[in-house]
Protein backbone atom coordinates (compact mmCIF):
# COMPACT_ATOMS: atom_id res chain seq x y z
CA MET A 1 -0.02 -0.01 0.05
CA VAL A 2 2.67 2.49 0.83
CA LYS A 3 4.37 1.80 -2.34
CA SER A 4 1.25 2.48 -4.06
CA ILE A 5 0.81 5.74 -2.26
CA LEU A 6 4.28 6.94 -3.01
CA SER A 7 4.02 6.05 -6.83
CA GLN A 8 1.32 8.68 -7.08
CA TYR A 9 3.98 11.32 -6.79
CA SER A 10 6.63 12.09 -9.03
CA LEU A 11 9.60 11.18 -6.92
CA SER A 12 13.02 10.74 -8.36
CA ASP A 13 14.80 7.49 -7.80
CA LYS A 14 17.38 9.57 -6.06
CA ASP A 15 14.90 10.86 -3.57
CA TYR A 16 14.14 7.64 -1.86
CA GLU A 17 14.89 3.98 -1.15
CA ILE A 18 12.67 1.06 -0.74
CA VAL A 19 14.30 -1.65 1.46
CA GLU A 20 12.58 -5.12 1.56
CA ILE A 21 13.81 -6.05 4.78
CA GLU A 22 12.29 -9.60 4.58
CA LYS A 23 14.88 -10.54 1.92
CA ARG A 24 17.84 -9.43 4.17
CA GLN A 25 19.70 -11.71 6.49
CA ASP A 26 19.69 -8.86 9.14
CA CYS A 27 15.85 -8.71 9.16
CA VAL A 28 15.62 -9.18 12.98
CA GLN A 29 17.95 -6.54 13.61
CA ILE A 30 16.33 -3.89 11.48
CA GLU A 31 12.87 -4.89 13.04
CA ASN A 32 14.68 -4.20 16.67
CA TYR A 33 15.91 -0.89 15.44
CA PHE A 34 12.46 0.19 14.20
CA GLN A 35 11.14 -0.98 17.80
CA PHE A 36 13.52 1.45 18.98
CA LEU A 37 12.75 4.29 16.71
CA CYS A 38 9.08 3.94 16.54
CA LEU A 39 6.15 4.15 18.95
CA ASP A 40 3.24 2.39 17.02
CA HIS A 41 3.52 -1.12 15.93
CA PRO A 42 7.16 -0.98 16.15
CA ARG A 43 8.17 -4.21 14.44
CA ALA A 44 5.55 -4.00 11.76
CA VAL A 45 6.56 -2.93 8.33
CA PRO A 46 6.24 -0.90 6.15
CA GLN A 47 7.66 2.12 8.10
CA LEU A 48 8.38 5.41 6.15
CA PHE A 49 11.07 7.70 7.13
CA ILE A 50 11.25 11.15 5.29
CA ASP A 51 14.20 13.28 5.72
CA GLY A 52 15.66 11.07 8.53
CA HIS A 53 12.42 11.46 10.35
CA TYR A 54 9.85 8.74 11.26
CA ILE A 55 6.60 9.47 9.57
CA GLY A 56 4.68 6.23 10.26
CA GLY A 57 3.35 2.88 9.24
CA ALA A 58 0.80 2.03 6.46
CA LYS A 59 -2.24 3.20 8.36
CA GLN A 60 -0.64 6.48 9.19
CA ILE A 61 0.78 6.80 5.57
CA ASN A 62 -2.76 6.18 4.18
CA LEU A 63 -4.35 8.83 6.50
CA LEU A 64 -1.66 11.49 5.68
CA GLN A 65 -2.24 10.62 1.95
CA LYS A 66 -6.02 11.19 2.13
CA SER A 67 -5.73 14.42 4.36
CA GLY A 68 -3.02 15.97 1.91
CA GLU A 69 -0.51 15.96 4.67
CA LEU A 70 1.94 13.53 3.13
CA LYS A 71 2.21 16.00 0.17
CA ARG A 72 3.14 18.91 2.46
CA ILE A 73 5.77 16.75 4.14
CA LEU A 74 7.29 15.63 0.92
CA LYS A 75 7.34 19.14 -0.28
CA GLU A 76 9.04 20.36 2.87
CA ALA A 77 11.58 17.50 2.47
CA HIS A 78 12.33 19.04 -1.09
CA ALA A 79 11.14 15.60 -2.58
CA LEU A 80 8.40 17.40 -4.69
CA ASP A 81 8.26 20.83 -6.42
């Protein structure tokens, strides 16, 4: 769902990276790091970070998209014109 939401914006490949942690050998360590960084469903993925700041999981991203707030956040991060 988050990939689909992000695909609606004209983001350059240099502006973001999608990391499929379930395909990595250090998946558990990454989940533990998410638990350290995030407050809501900390081990759940996807987790979105913009400009080094935690934005939220799928539910939060969906709500931000619907409210128009995600677009504002992306603009502030200079990911959108």
